[in-house]
C-alpha atoms as a PDB file:
ATOM      1  CA  MET A   1     317.660 106.315 142.637  1.00  0.00           C
ATOM      2  CA  SER A   2     319.999 106.807 139.697  1.00  0.00           C
ATOM      3  CA  ILE A   3     323.293 105.018 139.204  1.00  0.00           C
ATOM      4  CA  SER A   4     326.317 106.826 137.773  1.00  0.00           C
ATOM      5  CA  ALA A   5     328.360 105.575 134.837  1.00  0.00           C
ATOM      6  CA  LYS A   6     331.279 104.964 137.206  1.00  0.00           C
ATOM      7  CA  ASP A   7     329.138 102.697 139.357  1.00  0.00           C
ATOM      8  CA  VAL A   8     327.789 100.834 136.333  1.00  0.00           C
ATOM      9  CA  ALA A   9     331.347 100.376 135.028  1.00  0.00           C
ATOM     10  CA  ARG A  10     332.433  99.030 138.402  1.00  0.00           C
ATOM     11  CA  THR A  11     329.517  96.579 138.354  1.00  0.00           C
ATOM     12  CA  LEU A  12     330.488  95.469 134.832  1.00  0.00           C
ATOM     13  CA  ASP A  13     334.120  95.061 135.946  1.00  0.00           C
ATOM     14  CA  THR A  14     335.418  97.579 133.433  1.00  0.00           C
ATOM     15  CA  THR A  15     336.746 101.107 133.451  1.00  0.00           C
ATOM     16  CA  PRO A  16     334.468 104.134 133.192  1.00  0.00           C
ATOM     17  CA  ARG A  17     336.306 105.117 130.000  1.00  0.00           C
ATOM     18  CA  THR A  18     335.578 101.761 128.331  1.00  0.00           C
ATOM     19  CA  PHE A  19     331.971 101.937 129.472  1.00  0.00           C
ATOM     20  CA  ARG A  20     331.583 105.400 127.931  1.00  0.00           C
ATOM     21  CA  LYS A  21     333.100 104.093 124.675  1.00  0.00           C
ATOM     22  CA  PHE A  22     330.434 101.386 124.706  1.00  0.00           C
ATOM     23  CA  LEU A  23     327.698 103.957 125.289  1.00  0.00           C
ATOM     24  CA  ARG A  24     328.852 106.100 122.381  1.00  0.00           C
ATOM     25  CA  ALA A  25     329.323 103.099 120.076  1.00  0.00           C
ATOM     26  CA  SER A  26     325.874 101.763 120.854  1.00  0.00           C
ATOM     27  CA  GLY A  27     324.144 105.080 120.321  1.00  0.00           C
ATOM     28  CA  MET A  28     323.385 105.575 124.005  1.00  0.00           C
ATOM     29  CA  GLY A  29     325.862 108.442 124.283  1.00  0.00           C
ATOM     30  CA  VAL A  30     324.510 111.762 125.407  1.00  0.00           C
ATOM     31  CA  GLY A  31     327.290 114.013 124.167  1.00  0.00           C
ATOM     32  CA  GLN A  32     330.271 115.799 125.568  1.00  0.00           C
ATOM     33  CA  GLY A  33     329.794 117.419 128.939  1.00  0.00           C
ATOM     34  CA  SER A  34     326.574 115.570 129.692  1.00  0.00           C
ATOM     35  CA  ARG A  35     326.185 113.078 132.473  1.00  0.00           C
ATOM     36  CA  TYR A  36     325.191 109.450 132.204  1.00  0.00           C
ATOM     37  CA  GLU A  37     322.717 108.242 134.798  1.00  0.00           C
ATOM     38  CA  PHE A  38     320.896 104.946 134.855  1.00  0.00           C
ATOM     39  CA  GLU A  39     318.163 103.288 136.844  1.00  0.00           C
ATOM     40  CA  LYS A  40     318.644  99.949 138.569  1.00  0.00           C
ATOM     41  CA  ARG A  41     316.034  98.397 136.267  1.00  0.00           C
ATOM     42  CA  GLU A  42     318.324  99.136 133.280  1.00  0.00           C
ATOM     43  CA  MET A  43     321.228  97.062 134.603  1.00  0.00           C
ATOM     44  CA  ALA A  44     320.206  93.744 133.013  1.00  0.00           C
ATOM     45  CA  ARG A  45     319.848  95.355 129.577  1.00  0.00           C
ATOM     46  CA  LEU A  46     323.120  97.281 129.947  1.00  0.00           C
ATOM     47  CA  THR A  47     324.990  94.197 131.128  1.00  0.00           C
ATOM     48  CA  LYS A  48     323.768  92.069 128.232  1.00  0.00           C
ATOM     49  CA  ALA A  49     324.504  94.771 125.645  1.00  0.00           C
ATOM     50  CA  PHE A  50     327.924  95.567 127.134  1.00  0.00           C
ATOM     51  CA  ARG A  51     328.995  91.909 127.191  1.00  0.00           C
ATOM     52  CA  ALA A  52     327.981  91.479 123.532  1.00  0.00           C
ATOM     53  CA  TRP A  53     329.841  94.675 122.537  1.00  0.00           C
ATOM     54  CA  GLU A  54     332.896  93.657 124.547  1.00  0.00           C
ATOM     55  CA  SER A  55     332.951  90.197 122.988  1.00  0.00           C
ATOM     56  CA  LYS A  56     332.666  91.614 119.468  1.00  0.00           C
ATOM     57  CA  ARG A  57     335.364  94.200 120.215  1.00  0.00           C
ATOM     58  CA  ASN A  58     337.747  91.593 121.661  1.00  0.00           C
ATOM     59  CA  SER A  59     337.142  89.280 118.709  1.00  0.00           C
ATOM     60  CA  ALA A  60     337.923  92.062 116.236  1.00  0.00           C
ATOM     61  CA  LYS A  61     341.062  92.966 118.164  1.00  0.00           C
ATOM     62  CA  LYS A  62     342.167  89.314 118.215  1.00  0.00           C
ATOM     63  CA  ASP A  63     341.646  89.046 114.444  1.00  0.00           C
ATOM     64  CA  GLU A  64     343.639  92.238 113.935  1.00  0.00           C
ATOM     65  CA  ASP A  65     346.464  90.971 116.160  1.00  0.00           C
ATOM     66  CA  GLU A  66     346.583  87.651 114.279  1.00  0.00           C
ATOM     67  CA  THR A  67     346.774  89.488 110.964  1.00  0.00           C
ATOM     68  CA  ILE A  68     349.696  91.561 112.193  1.00  0.00           C
ATOM     69  CA  VAL A  69     351.536  88.502 113.531  1.00  0.00           C
ATOM     70  CA  SER A  70     350.976  86.436 110.390  1.00  0.00           C
ATOM     71  CA  ALA A  71     351.957  89.188 107.955  1.00  0.00           C
ATOM     72  CA  PRO A  72     355.120  88.312 106.046  1.00  0.00           C
ATOM     73  CA  GLU A  73     358.180  90.299 106.890  1.00  0.00           C
ATOM     74  CA  SER A  74     359.709  92.370 104.134  1.00  0.00           C
ATOM     75  CA  ASP A  75     363.456  92.501 103.573  1.00  0.00           C
END
């Protein structure tokens, strides 16, 4: 039985949009108009890869936010 991207996203406690961004960023994207379907046996691999991607993404965003906050104001 295949699992949809929406169901995988729900399992990962994220939005389907964010999950699709992860798939495209990690090279697992299948292109516009195509459908993502996964098998239950893939869940452990997807979960591990998604958590690593999410952590890296959040870290980069935090660094970017800190740079913006610490930038000197110009007169």
